Amino acid sequence: MWIFRCNILSFLLLSVGPYSTFALQDVTTELFGAENYGTVAAFGDFYADKQTDMFIIRGQSELVIFLADSKTPYFKPKVNLTKDNFPGETVLTSVVPGDYDGDSQMDVLLTAQLRKSAMTTVFIFWGNNQTLDMSGYLMLNKTFTDQPLIMDFNGDMIPDIFGVTNSIPPFTEVCTLTKRSPKWEKVLSFPTAMRKPHSNAFIDLNKDLTADLFLTTEGPKFETWISKDGNFTREEVMPMEPPAKFVGQSSFADFDGDGYQDHLLPVCLDANCQRSAIYLAKFDSKEWVPVLLDFQQRETIWSFDLVKPSSPLTLHFGDYNLDGFPDALVVLHNTSGSGRQAFLLENVPCNNASCHSVGRMFHILWDQADLGAIQNAVMATFFDIYEDGILDMLVLSQAEGKSDLIIHALKNNYEADAYFVKVMVLSGLCFNDCPEDVKPFGVNQPGPYVMYTTTDSNGNLKNASAGQLSQSAHFSLQLPYTVLGLGRSANFLDHLFVGIPRQSGETEIRIKEWTAVIPNSQLIVIPFPHNQPRSWSAKLYLTPSNSVLLTAIALIGVCVFILVIIGILHWQEKKADDREKRQEAHRFHFDAM
């Protein structure tokens, strides 16, 4: 089903672009009021109202779900899991919302450490009509050596739990929850020792729109397991060895806009991390390419901080300026002092020989006053606060004397003739026949892959791609949807492709194509039934931009002006008719005499 498919006027309104500026505005009080503390752990539409809610950990023992609201403060704490809901001495380490039992309602998975154990325990609280069953939670009967990766291992569009368990010897296992009962299966063809903290990912690596498996192992080394006929086969398609000994978390993004996911890795070039870099590796290359080497701001040198395993270094990606190339947020520390600050890394054309093969590089925006005003930053990520397709920022900082982090919200006031498409892929487990009349919009689903191809204003082919919820551990903070920038082209998207994981033994790729998608729109894809892509449906919602308002005002002004001219001409014509009638009447009078 398409909404506004034939609304040509809306498309024409989008074709007008205003000026281009970028500024940040602190809207923390507007969003949270006095409740802006805790660790932002995950995002998801818990209330199924097409608005993204926040999952926040407080005191390492309490989970608070902040529901999006239309009145200030726009995020209100509504659902609480306190330490009384868990066994004694439970330390919460992460949150992963999802539909783990296949009833199209959002459940909440939490990882924790019990009684100061090094092993990770998993709890699942079951969703029931936009609430959580506080008493009937499930605690898995096995523990993990690290936080697990949430992925769809068997292609049934129900999230599974993947990781190394506490068995002797340790095995890589996946846990599926059939009828809320855990079922364990040993996977992968040989044992793999995972790096801790790991940055495993469930992401398409070979551009077939089917999610593959990427593993970070001890060494450090990397393994790639490509999905073939629904089964994972190990292939050496990316460099096994990292470019440096001291590495952060691996991340994936279509950095250069070629439709392939690129492997990006922050590293320290020495043991004290006085020199840092970000490297990129492409799917079909064994070469690491530096895309950021310059960390010097005037006389000050900034660098990564890799010494905190509880908060590993992660690049959080998002296209803040909608130019079609993903940018990043990262926290750096001053090598000559103790300051820590969040910085925006802008994806710009390459200007040196080292990144020539990629054609793009990162440039640090040093002079962002609102980011610089937040001292002792710990984490920074993108978030679409107002659901308008423009990515805003959340920054977490450590306040002196307080155990919980402070949350800062920065609105992105970017104004430019640039457009986007926002895509959310649902589980497709039901459509109009969901149990208890549930609306399955927004239940977090790992594994879907989105790619578009179109033509820009110069006639050049342009594309971009992204995976949905490809990573889940160690505060990856990925959004339950993808926002792809379109640049300054307001044309309809020529092709939009959506792919989902497939089951073991399936030879056909599960992929659907849509054409002529309106820019500045949100597309909610319902892949039902899973193995019949031709039957998949989509709902499209148009997101008006400022250019729409300006153009509408101009259009109304022109219409009013034309109506005034028509009124004046009509009045003059009527006046001339009245004069002519009087003259006719006067001539008739004299003729009668």
Protein backbone atom coordinates (compact mmCIF):
# COMPACT_ATOMS: atom_id res chain seq x y z
CA MET A 1 0.00 0.00 0.00
CA TRP A 2 1.36 3.39 -0.95
CA ILE A 3 0.31 6.62 0.68
CA PHE A 4 0.71 9.83 -1.30
CA ARG A 5 2.10 7.80 -4.23
CA CYS A 6 0.52 10.05 -6.79
CA ASN A 7 0.83 13.26 -4.86
CA ILE A 8 2.73 15.16 -7.53
CA LEU A 9 2.30 18.45 -5.70
CA SER A 10 4.23 17.13 -2.69
CA PHE A 11 7.05 16.03 -4.94
CA LEU A 12 7.16 19.40 -6.67
CA LEU A 13 7.29 21.15 -3.31
CA LEU A 14 10.32 19.06 -2.35
CA SER A 15 12.23 20.22 -5.40
CA VAL A 16 12.84 23.68 -3.94
CA GLY A 17 15.94 23.91 -1.74
CA PRO A 18 16.74 26.71 0.68
CA TYR A 19 20.09 27.86 2.00
CA SER A 20 22.57 25.56 3.77
CA THR A 21 23.61 26.00 7.40
CA PHE A 22 24.61 23.71 10.28
CA ALA A 23 24.24 24.45 13.95
CA LEU A 24 23.45 22.57 17.14
CA GLN A 25 20.94 23.59 19.78
CA ASP A 26 20.81 22.17 23.32
CA VAL A 27 17.29 20.80 23.86
CA THR A 28 18.00 18.61 26.90
CA THR A 29 15.41 20.24 29.16
CA GLU A 30 12.82 20.17 26.40
CA LEU A 31 13.34 16.41 26.02
CA PHE A 32 13.90 15.12 29.54
CA GLY A 33 13.13 17.87 32.01
CA ALA A 34 15.05 16.98 35.17
CA GLU A 35 15.29 13.28 34.24
CA ASN A 36 18.40 13.57 32.02
CA TYR A 37 20.62 11.07 33.81
CA GLY A 38 21.54 7.43 33.26
CA THR A 39 23.15 5.47 30.43
CA VAL A 40 21.29 5.42 27.12
CA ALA A 41 21.44 1.73 26.24
CA ALA A 42 19.08 1.15 23.28
CA PHE A 43 16.28 2.54 21.13
CA GLY A 44 12.98 1.00 20.04
CA ASP A 45 9.29 1.69 19.52
CA PHE A 46 8.07 0.05 22.73
CA TYR A 47 4.61 1.62 22.59
CA ALA A 48 4.02 0.74 18.89
CA ASP A 49 3.02 4.31 18.02
CA LYS A 50 5.67 4.86 15.31
CA GLN A 51 7.75 6.98 17.71
CA THR A 52 11.13 5.78 18.93
CA ASP A 53 11.50 5.37 22.69
CA MET A 54 14.69 5.21 24.80
CA PHE A 55 15.93 2.47 27.12
CA ILE A 56 18.08 3.92 29.90
CA ILE A 57 20.07 2.08 32.60
CA ARG A 58 20.36 3.81 35.97
CA GLY A 59 22.59 2.87 38.84
CA GLN A 60 23.65 -0.30 36.97
CA SER A 61 20.61 -2.00 38.49
CA GLU A 62 17.51 -0.28 37.08
CA LEU A 63 16.02 -0.03 33.58
CA VAL A 64 13.79 2.93 32.74
CA ILE A 65 11.92 3.09 29.41
CA PHE A 66 11.36 6.69 28.31
CA LEU A 67 8.32 6.85 26.05
CA ALA A 68 8.13 9.50 23.33
CA ASP A 69 5.34 12.04 23.89
CA SER A 70 3.89 14.98 21.95
CA LYS A 71 4.14 17.35 24.94
CA THR A 72 7.19 18.58 26.80
CA PRO A 73 9.17 16.93 28.14
CA TYR A 74 9.05 14.85 24.99
CA PHE A 75 10.47 11.74 26.70
CA LYS A 76 8.83 10.61 29.92
CA PRO A 77 9.86 7.71 32.19
CA LYS A 78 6.96 5.25 32.15
CA VAL A 79 8.20 1.66 32.57
CA ASN A 80 10.66 0.69 35.30
CA LEU A 81 12.55 -2.50 36.08
CA THR A 82 14.18 -2.04 39.48
CA LYS A 83 16.72 -4.15 41.34
CA ASP A 84 13.76 -5.90 43.02
CA ASN A 85 12.96 -7.52 39.65
CA PHE A 86 16.36 -9.25 39.51
CA PRO A 87 18.36 -11.61 41.71
CA GLY A 88 20.60 -9.98 44.30
CA GLU A 89 23.79 -8.17 43.24
CA THR A 90 22.79 -7.89 39.59
CA VAL A 91 24.76 -5.39 37.49
CA LEU A 92 23.03 -4.55 34.21
CA THR A 93 25.40 -4.19 31.26
CA SER A 94 23.24 -3.83 28.12
CA VAL A 95 19.69 -3.77 26.74
CA VAL A 96 18.45 -5.20 23.43
CA PRO A 97 14.71 -4.76 22.65
CA GLY A 98 13.15 -7.23 20.20
CA ASP A 99 10.41 -9.77 19.57
CA TYR A 100 12.04 -12.93 20.94
CA ASP A 101 8.94 -15.17 21.06
CA GLY A 102 7.39 -14.21 17.71
CA ASP A 103 4.15 -12.66 19.00
CA SER A 104 4.88 -9.29 17.27
CA GLN A 105 5.15 -7.53 20.62
CA MET A 106 8.33 -5.96 21.91
CA ASP A 107 10.19 -7.91 24.58
CA VAL A 108 13.26 -6.63 26.42
CA LEU A 109 16.51 -8.60 26.71
CA LEU A 110 19.02 -7.50 29.32
CA THR A 111 22.55 -8.73 29.92
CA ALA A 112 23.95 -8.65 33.42
CA GLN A 113 26.71 -9.88 35.67
CA LEU A 114 25.61 -11.68 38.85
CA ARG A 115 27.49 -11.46 42.13
CA LYS A 116 30.54 -9.94 40.44
CA SER A 117 30.91 -12.92 38.11
CA ALA A 118 32.86 -12.45 34.88
CA MET A 119 30.21 -14.38 32.93
CA THR A 120 27.24 -12.68 31.28
CA THR A 121 23.72 -13.71 32.25
CA VAL A 122 20.75 -13.00 29.98
CA PHE A 123 17.26 -12.03 31.18
CA ILE A 124 14.22 -11.63 28.93
CA PHE A 125 11.11 -9.78 30.06
CA TRP A 126 8.11 -10.55 27.85
CA GLY A 127 6.01 -7.82 26.31
CA ASN A 128 2.25 -7.80 26.72
CA ASN A 129 0.18 -5.03 25.09
CA GLN A 130 2.81 -2.27 25.50
CA THR A 131 3.73 -3.39 29.03
CA LEU A 132 6.25 -5.83 30.49
CA ASP A 133 5.51 -8.90 32.57
CA MET A 134 7.59 -8.03 35.62
CA SER A 135 7.33 -11.43 37.33
CA GLY A 136 7.42 -13.95 34.49
CA TYR A 137 10.84 -13.20 33.07
CA LEU A 138 13.14 -15.84 31.60
CA MET A 139 16.74 -16.26 32.74
CA LEU A 140 18.71 -18.36 30.25
CA ASN A 141 20.09 -21.60 31.65
CA LYS A 142 23.53 -20.91 30.14
CA THR A 143 25.81 -17.90 30.49
CA PHE A 144 28.11 -16.24 27.97
CA THR A 145 31.75 -15.23 28.14
CA ASP A 146 30.76 -11.77 26.81
CA GLN A 147 27.65 -9.89 25.78
CA PRO A 148 25.93 -11.89 22.99
CA LEU A 149 25.17 -10.78 19.45
CA ILE A 150 21.44 -10.60 18.70
CA MET A 151 20.90 -11.86 15.16
CA ASP A 152 18.48 -13.90 13.04
CA PHE A 153 20.61 -17.00 12.67
CA ASN A 154 17.95 -19.32 11.18
CA GLY A 155 16.12 -16.79 8.98
CA ASP A 156 12.71 -17.04 10.68
CA MET A 157 12.63 -13.27 11.44
CA ILE A 158 12.69 -13.95 15.18
CA PRO A 159 15.88 -12.71 16.91
CA ASP A 160 18.30 -15.37 18.19
CA ILE A 161 21.07 -15.08 20.79
CA PHE A 162 24.59 -15.84 19.52
CA GLY A 163 27.77 -16.11 21.55
CA VAL A 164 30.37 -18.26 23.34
CA THR A 165 28.81 -20.11 26.29
CA ASN A 166 30.24 -21.33 29.58
CA SER A 167 30.48 -24.94 28.38
CA ILE A 168 33.74 -26.91 28.74
CA PRO A 169 35.39 -26.46 26.35
CA PRO A 170 33.67 -23.17 25.34
CA PHE A 171 31.42 -23.51 22.30
CA THR A 172 29.92 -20.94 19.96
CA GLU A 173 26.22 -21.49 20.36
CA VAL A 174 22.96 -19.89 19.29
CA CYS A 175 19.84 -19.86 21.44
CA THR A 176 16.39 -19.77 19.84
CA LEU A 177 13.31 -19.19 21.96
CA THR A 178 10.54 -21.42 20.62
CA LYS A 179 7.41 -20.84 22.70
CA ARG A 180 9.59 -18.99 25.24
CA SER A 181 11.65 -22.12 25.87
CA PRO A 182 15.40 -21.84 25.12
CA LYS A 183 16.78 -24.25 22.56
CA TRP A 184 20.59 -24.35 22.15
CA GLU A 185 22.56 -25.33 19.07
CA LYS A 186 26.31 -25.47 18.49
CA VAL A 187 27.16 -23.49 15.37
CA LEU A 188 30.11 -22.71 13.09
CA SER A 189 32.28 -25.49 11.74
CA PHE A 190 35.08 -25.13 14.32
CA PRO A 191 35.58 -23.39 17.68
CA THR A 192 36.30 -19.68 17.60
CA ALA A 193 37.84 -17.71 20.49
CA MET A 194 36.09 -14.35 20.55
CA ARG A 195 37.88 -11.16 21.46
CA LYS A 196 36.56 -9.49 24.61
CA PRO A 197 34.98 -7.00 24.24
CA HIS A 198 33.93 -8.21 20.79
CA SER A 199 32.33 -6.21 17.97
CA ASN A 200 30.66 -9.04 16.07
CA ALA A 201 28.17 -8.01 13.40
CA PHE A 202 25.28 -9.43 11.38
CA ILE A 203 25.66 -7.46 8.15
CA ASP A 204 25.67 -7.98 4.38
CA LEU A 205 29.29 -8.00 3.20
CA ASN A 206 29.01 -9.14 -0.44
CA LYS A 207 26.15 -6.94 -1.73
CA ASP A 208 23.58 -9.73 -2.17
CA LEU A 209 21.31 -8.02 0.41
CA THR A 210 21.49 -11.04 2.72
CA ALA A 211 23.14 -10.58 6.11
CA ASP A 212 26.47 -12.33 6.68
CA LEU A 213 28.37 -12.91 9.93
CA PHE A 214 31.46 -10.94 10.95
CA LEU A 215 33.46 -12.04 14.01
CA THR A 216 36.23 -10.35 15.99
CA THR A 217 38.52 -13.01 17.45
CA GLU A 218 41.54 -13.15 19.72
CA GLY A 219 44.80 -11.99 18.27
CA PRO A 220 43.19 -9.63 17.36
CA LYS A 221 41.89 -11.09 14.10
CA PHE A 222 38.75 -10.99 12.01
CA GLU A 223 36.62 -13.72 10.46
CA THR A 224 33.95 -13.39 7.78
CA TRP A 225 31.22 -16.02 7.39
CA ILE A 226 29.22 -15.53 4.20
CA SER A 227 25.57 -16.63 4.04
CA LYS A 228 25.19 -19.24 1.28
CA ASP A 229 21.82 -20.95 0.88
CA GLY A 230 20.97 -19.87 4.41
CA ASN A 231 24.15 -21.42 5.88
CA PHE A 232 27.28 -19.56 6.96
CA THR A 233 30.58 -20.49 5.29
CA ARG A 234 33.92 -19.04 6.34
CA GLU A 235 35.67 -17.04 3.61
CA GLU A 236 38.71 -14.80 3.75
CA VAL A 237 37.26 -11.82 1.91
CA MET A 238 38.54 -9.10 4.24
CA PRO A 239 41.92 -8.67 5.91
CA MET A 240 42.33 -11.10 8.81
CA GLU A 241 44.93 -8.98 10.56
CA PRO A 242 44.16 -5.44 11.79
CA PRO A 243 46.50 -2.61 10.77
CA ALA A 244 47.66 -2.06 14.38
CA LYS A 245 47.97 -4.01 17.61
CA PHE A 246 45.70 -1.75 19.70
CA VAL A 247 42.24 -1.60 18.15
CA GLY A 248 38.78 -0.38 19.05
CA GLN A 249 35.41 -1.72 17.96
CA SER A 250 34.77 -2.64 14.32
CA SER A 251 31.94 -0.78 12.61
CA PHE A 252 30.30 -1.05 9.20
CA ALA A 253 29.00 1.64 6.86
CA ASP A 254 28.78 2.34 3.13
CA PHE A 255 31.56 4.90 3.51
CA ASP A 256 32.12 5.76 -0.16
CA GLY A 257 28.62 5.19 -1.54
CA ASP A 258 29.34 2.17 -3.74
CA GLY A 259 26.61 -0.04 -2.25
CA TYR A 260 29.07 -2.22 -0.27
CA GLN A 261 29.51 -2.12 3.49
CA ASP A 262 33.03 -1.06 4.46
CA HIS A 263 34.85 -2.18 7.61
CA LEU A 264 35.98 0.83 9.67
CA LEU A 265 38.35 0.40 12.58
CA PRO A 266 39.73 2.98 15.06
CA VAL A 267 43.26 2.12 16.20
CA CYS A 268 46.09 3.37 18.39
CA LEU A 269 49.46 3.42 16.65
CA ASP A 270 51.45 3.14 19.89
CA ALA A 271 51.00 1.59 23.33
CA ASN A 272 50.17 4.91 25.02
CA CYS A 273 47.73 5.88 22.27
CA GLN A 274 49.42 9.19 21.62
CA ARG A 275 48.86 8.65 17.90
CA SER A 276 45.52 7.47 16.55
CA ALA A 277 44.00 6.62 13.17
CA ILE A 278 40.88 5.24 11.53
CA TYR A 279 41.37 2.60 8.83
CA LEU A 280 38.99 1.21 6.26
CA ALA A 281 38.93 -2.17 4.55
CA LYS A 282 36.69 -3.03 1.61
CA PHE A 283 35.00 -6.37 1.07
CA ASP A 284 37.07 -7.42 -1.94
CA SER A 285 40.41 -5.97 -0.80
CA LYS A 286 43.18 -7.15 1.51
CA GLU A 287 44.39 -3.59 1.99
CA TRP A 288 43.78 -1.24 4.92
CA VAL A 289 43.32 2.39 3.86
CA PRO A 290 43.69 5.25 6.38
CA VAL A 291 40.71 7.62 6.25
CA LEU A 292 41.73 9.75 9.26
CA LEU A 293 45.26 10.43 10.45
CA ASP A 294 45.16 14.11 11.46
CA PHE A 295 44.11 14.48 15.11
CA GLN A 296 45.84 17.80 15.78
CA GLN A 297 43.89 20.94 16.59
CA ARG A 298 46.29 23.85 16.48
CA GLU A 299 48.82 22.93 19.22
CA THR A 300 46.65 20.25 20.82
CA ILE A 301 46.76 16.57 19.87
CA TRP A 302 43.68 14.47 20.55
CA SER A 303 43.49 10.72 20.54
CA PHE A 304 41.37 7.65 21.24
CA ASP A 305 41.12 6.06 24.66
CA LEU A 306 41.21 2.25 24.49
CA VAL A 307 41.76 1.46 28.18
CA LYS A 308 38.12 1.14 29.28
CA PRO A 309 36.74 -2.33 28.47
CA SER A 310 33.41 -1.41 30.09
CA SER A 311 33.01 1.37 27.53
CA PRO A 312 34.94 0.30 24.43
CA LEU A 313 35.73 2.81 21.71
CA THR A 314 33.00 2.77 19.08
CA LEU A 315 32.29 4.90 16.03
CA HIS A 316 28.60 5.77 15.86
CA PHE A 317 27.50 6.49 12.28
CA GLY A 318 24.83 8.76 10.83
CA ASP A 319 24.44 11.09 7.85
CA TYR A 320 24.05 14.41 9.67
CA ASN A 321 24.09 16.54 6.47
CA LEU A 322 22.12 14.12 4.23
CA ASP A 323 24.74 14.14 1.48
CA GLY A 324 24.56 10.35 1.09
CA PHE A 325 27.86 9.63 2.88
CA PRO A 326 27.80 8.52 6.55
CA ASP A 327 29.51 10.71 9.14
CA ALA A 328 30.52 9.62 12.64
CA LEU A 329 30.53 10.70 16.27
CA VAL A 330 33.44 9.75 18.50
CA VAL A 331 34.88 10.67 21.90
CA LEU A 332 38.54 11.79 22.01
CA HIS A 333 40.80 12.72 24.90
CA ASN A 334 43.43 15.42 25.11
CA THR A 335 46.88 13.77 25.09
CA SER A 336 48.39 16.69 27.02
CA GLY A 337 45.59 16.94 29.58
CA SER A 338 42.61 15.10 31.02
CA GLY A 339 39.83 16.53 28.89
CA ARG A 340 37.43 14.25 27.00
CA GLN A 341 35.15 15.59 24.32
CA ALA A 342 32.78 14.37 21.61
CA PHE A 343 33.63 15.31 18.02
CA LEU A 344 31.78 15.05 14.72
CA LEU A 345 33.75 13.39 11.93
CA GLU A 346 32.52 14.64 8.57
CA ASN A 347 32.78 12.37 5.54
CA VAL A 348 34.46 14.52 2.84
CA PRO A 349 36.25 13.92 -0.49
CA CYS A 350 39.81 12.62 -0.10
CA ASN A 351 42.50 15.31 -0.36
CA ASN A 352 45.67 13.20 -0.03
CA ALA A 353 47.32 10.20 -1.63
CA SER A 354 46.79 7.81 1.33
CA CYS A 355 43.00 7.58 0.84
CA HIS A 356 42.98 7.98 -2.94
CA SER A 357 41.78 4.41 -3.55
CA VAL A 358 38.64 5.07 -1.47
CA GLY A 359 37.99 8.62 -2.61
CA ARG A 360 36.62 9.73 0.77
CA MET A 361 38.05 10.55 4.20
CA PHE A 362 37.05 11.84 7.62
CA HIS A 363 37.57 15.45 8.66
CA ILE A 364 37.18 16.42 12.32
CA LEU A 365 34.92 19.45 12.89
CA TRP A 366 36.86 21.09 15.69
CA ASP A 367 34.78 24.24 16.14
CA GLN A 368 31.39 22.87 17.22
CA ALA A 369 30.72 25.04 20.27
CA ASP A 370 27.77 23.04 21.61
CA LEU A 371 29.70 19.75 21.47
CA GLY A 372 32.76 21.43 22.97
CA ALA A 373 30.71 22.76 25.88
CA ILE A 374 30.07 19.20 27.11
CA GLN A 375 33.07 18.24 29.23
CA ASN A 376 34.12 14.71 30.27
CA ALA A 377 32.13 13.11 27.47
CA VAL A 378 31.88 9.32 27.59
CA MET A 379 29.69 8.42 24.61
CA ALA A 380 28.00 10.15 21.66
CA THR A 381 25.50 8.87 19.14
CA PHE A 382 22.92 9.97 16.56
CA PHE A 383 19.17 9.96 17.20
CA ASP A 384 16.22 11.37 15.25
CA ILE A 385 14.62 13.25 18.12
CA TYR A 386 11.72 14.83 16.25
CA GLU A 387 11.13 12.00 13.74
CA ASP A 388 11.78 14.39 10.85
CA GLY A 389 14.56 12.45 9.14
CA ILE A 390 17.31 14.81 10.35
CA LEU A 391 19.67 13.07 12.76
CA ASP A 392 20.26 14.87 16.04
CA MET A 393 22.82 13.97 18.71
CA LEU A 394 22.88 12.50 22.21
CA VAL A 395 26.04 12.95 24.29
CA LEU A 396 26.65 11.24 27.64
CA SER A 397 29.09 12.83 30.09
CA GLN A 398 30.46 12.00 33.52
CA ALA A 399 29.69 14.57 36.20
CA GLU A 400 32.01 14.83 39.18
CA GLY A 401 30.61 13.15 42.27
CA LYS A 402 27.74 11.41 40.44
CA SER A 403 27.52 7.72 39.63
CA ASP A 404 25.10 8.07 36.70
CA LEU A 405 25.99 9.71 33.43
CA ILE A 406 24.38 12.99 32.36
CA ILE A 407 22.43 12.95 29.09
CA HIS A 408 22.70 15.92 26.72
CA ALA A 409 20.43 16.29 23.68
CA LEU A 410 21.55 18.46 20.77
CA LYS A 411 19.14 19.32 17.98
CA ASN A 412 20.62 19.38 14.48
CA ASN A 413 19.43 22.63 12.89
CA TYR A 414 20.81 21.68 9.52
CA GLU A 415 19.03 23.56 6.72
CA ALA A 416 19.95 22.63 3.18
CA ASP A 417 18.62 21.53 -0.16
CA ALA A 418 19.29 17.90 0.78
CA TYR A 419 16.81 15.06 1.17
CA PHE A 420 16.54 11.58 2.68
CA VAL A 421 14.62 8.33 2.75
CA LYS A 422 13.91 6.62 6.07
CA VAL A 423 13.30 2.87 5.97
CA MET A 424 12.12 0.53 8.72
CA VAL A 425 11.80 -3.20 8.01
CA LEU A 426 9.46 -5.12 10.30
CA SER A 427 9.47 -8.83 11.13
CA GLY A 428 6.52 -9.66 8.86
CA LEU A 429 5.38 -12.38 11.25
CA CYS A 430 1.83 -11.12 10.84
CA PHE A 431 -0.01 -8.43 8.94
CA ASN A 432 -3.70 -7.86 9.58
CA ASP A 433 -4.09 -10.93 11.78
CA CYS A 434 -1.69 -10.16 14.63
CA PRO A 435 -2.63 -11.63 18.03
CA GLU A 436 -4.52 -9.32 20.38
CA ASP A 437 -4.87 -6.81 17.50
CA VAL A 438 -1.26 -5.76 17.99
CA LYS A 439 0.15 -3.17 15.60
CA PRO A 440 3.59 -4.60 14.77
CA PHE A 441 5.12 -1.27 13.74
CA GLY A 442 8.62 -0.74 15.00
CA VAL A 443 9.52 -4.00 16.77
CA ASN A 444 13.32 -4.05 16.49
CA GLN A 445 14.43 -6.50 13.81
CA PRO A 446 18.12 -7.37 13.21
CA GLY A 447 19.34 -8.38 9.77
CA PRO A 448 17.36 -6.52 7.05
CA TYR A 449 19.42 -4.65 4.47
CA VAL A 450 18.44 -1.56 2.47
CA MET A 451 20.01 -0.11 -0.69
CA TYR A 452 18.92 2.54 -3.17
CA THR A 453 20.09 3.59 -6.61
CA THR A 454 19.11 6.85 -8.26
CA THR A 455 20.40 9.58 -10.55
CA ASP A 456 21.61 12.89 -9.16
CA SER A 457 21.02 16.32 -10.67
CA ASN A 458 24.12 15.92 -12.86
CA GLY A 459 22.92 12.64 -14.33
CA ASN A 460 25.42 10.54 -12.36
CA LEU A 461 24.45 7.24 -10.75
CA LYS A 462 24.20 7.52 -6.97
CA ASN A 463 23.59 4.78 -4.43
CA ALA A 464 23.89 4.06 -0.73
CA SER A 465 23.19 1.14 1.57
CA ALA A 466 22.82 0.28 5.24
CA GLY A 467 22.06 -2.67 7.47
CA GLN A 468 19.39 -2.56 10.17
CA LEU A 469 20.54 -3.33 13.72
CA SER A 470 23.68 -5.17 12.65
CA GLN A 471 25.35 -4.92 16.09
CA SER A 472 23.88 -5.13 19.58
CA ALA A 473 26.63 -5.52 22.20
CA HIS A 474 28.60 -2.95 24.19
CA PHE A 475 26.34 0.04 23.53
CA SER A 476 26.40 -0.06 19.76
CA LEU A 477 23.31 2.23 20.03
CA GLN A 478 22.04 1.53 16.54
CA LEU A 479 18.64 2.87 15.53
CA PRO A 480 15.75 0.51 14.64
CA TYR A 481 15.55 2.14 11.19
CA THR A 482 17.94 3.42 8.53
CA VAL A 483 18.18 7.03 7.35
CA LEU A 484 19.85 7.33 3.94
CA GLY A 485 20.78 10.79 2.64
CA LEU A 486 19.97 11.61 -0.98
CA GLY A 487 22.08 14.73 -1.36
CA ARG A 488 20.61 17.64 -3.30
CA SER A 489 18.66 15.53 -5.74
CA ALA A 490 14.91 15.76 -5.17
CA ASN A 491 14.16 13.18 -7.88
CA PHE A 492 12.16 10.09 -7.15
CA LEU A 493 14.40 7.19 -6.08
CA ASP A 494 14.80 5.01 -9.16
CA HIS A 495 15.16 1.78 -7.19
CA LEU A 496 14.93 0.90 -3.51
CA PHE A 497 15.92 -2.67 -2.58
CA VAL A 498 15.14 -4.43 0.71
CA GLY A 499 16.54 -7.85 1.62
CA ILE A 500 16.04 -10.08 4.66
CA PRO A 501 17.84 -13.21 5.97
CA ARG A 502 16.81 -16.57 4.53
CA GLN A 503 16.39 -19.98 6.09
CA SER A 504 18.79 -22.90 5.73
CA GLY A 505 18.50 -24.59 2.32
CA GLU A 506 16.81 -21.66 0.56
CA THR A 507 18.52 -20.90 -2.75
CA GLU A 508 16.42 -17.84 -3.64
CA ILE A 509 17.43 -14.52 -2.11
CA ARG A 510 14.63 -12.77 -0.24
CA ILE A 511 14.67 -9.36 -1.90
CA LYS A 512 12.04 -6.86 -3.01
CA GLU A 513 12.39 -3.78 -5.22
CA TRP A 514 10.32 -0.60 -5.07
CA THR A 515 10.51 2.13 -7.70
CA ALA A 516 9.71 5.85 -7.80
CA VAL A 517 9.94 6.39 -4.03
CA ILE A 518 9.24 9.98 -3.00
CA PRO A 519 12.17 11.69 -1.21
CA ASN A 520 11.75 12.93 2.39
CA SER A 521 9.53 9.96 3.12
CA GLN A 522 9.46 7.11 5.62
CA LEU A 523 8.92 3.64 4.23
CA ILE A 524 7.71 0.89 6.58
CA VAL A 525 8.30 -2.48 4.90
CA ILE A 526 6.23 -5.52 5.91
CA PRO A 527 7.89 -8.68 4.48
CA PHE A 528 4.85 -10.97 4.70
CA PRO A 529 5.07 -13.79 3.85
CA HIS A 530 8.85 -14.06 4.15
CA ASN A 531 9.50 -16.38 1.20
CA GLN A 532 7.25 -14.49 -1.23
CA PRO A 533 8.86 -11.08 -1.84
CA ARG A 534 6.29 -10.22 -4.51
CA SER A 535 3.64 -10.18 -1.77
CA TRP A 536 5.56 -7.84 0.53
CA SER A 537 3.88 -4.51 1.18
CA ALA A 538 5.05 -1.08 2.23
CA LYS A 539 3.49 1.96 3.81
CA LEU A 540 4.92 5.31 2.83
CA TYR A 541 4.63 8.43 4.98
CA LEU A 542 5.73 11.80 3.68
CA THR A 543 7.83 13.98 5.99
CA PRO A 544 7.41 17.68 5.10
CA SER A 545 10.57 19.76 5.27
CA ASN A 546 11.07 23.50 5.77
CA SER A 547 11.28 23.89 2.01
CA VAL A 548 7.73 22.56 1.77
CA LEU A 549 6.51 25.27 4.16
CA LEU A 550 8.43 28.02 2.37
CA THR A 551 7.26 26.85 -1.02
CA ALA A 552 3.67 26.56 0.22
CA ILE A 553 3.81 30.12 1.55
CA ALA A 554 5.24 31.32 -1.75
CA LEU A 555 2.58 29.39 -3.68
CA ILE A 556 -0.21 30.80 -1.52
CA GLY A 557 1.26 34.29 -1.96
CA VAL A 558 1.32 33.90 -5.73
CA CYS A 559 -2.26 32.61 -5.73
CA VAL A 560 -3.42 35.55 -3.58
CA PHE A 561 -1.61 37.98 -5.89
CA ILE A 562 -3.24 36.42 -8.96
CA LEU A 563 -6.65 36.54 -7.28
CA VAL A 564 -6.13 40.23 -6.48
CA ILE A 565 -5.22 40.95 -10.12
CA ILE A 566 -8.25 38.97 -11.31
CA GLY A 567 -10.45 40.87 -8.84
CA ILE A 568 -9.16 44.24 -10.02
CA LEU A 569 -9.64 43.33 -13.68
CA HIS A 570 -13.12 41.98 -12.93
CA TRP A 571 -14.01 45.17 -11.06
CA GLN A 572 -12.74 47.37 -13.92
CA GLU A 573 -14.65 45.28 -16.45
CA LYS A 574 -17.85 45.54 -14.40
CA LYS A 575 -17.35 49.29 -14.08
CA ALA A 576 -16.93 49.62 -17.86
CA ASP A 577 -20.09 47.54 -18.42
CA ASP A 578 -22.09 49.77 -16.09
CA ARG A 579 -20.83 52.89 -17.91
CA GLU A 580 -21.73 51.40 -21.28
CA LYS A 581 -25.25 50.52 -20.05
CA ARG A 582 -25.80 54.09 -18.86
CA GLN A 583 -24.70 55.43 -22.24
CA GLU A 584 -27.08 53.03 -24.00
CA ALA A 585 -29.91 54.12 -21.75
CA HIS A 586 -29.12 57.80 -22.41
CA ARG A 587 -29.16 57.32 -26.22
CA PHE A 588 -32.49 55.54 -26.08
CA HIS A 589 -34.04 58.44 -24.17
CA PHE A 590 -33.16 61.07 -26.77
CA ASP A 591 -34.24 58.88 -29.68
CA ALA A 592 -37.66 58.47 -28.08
CA MET A 593 -38.13 62.26 -28.04
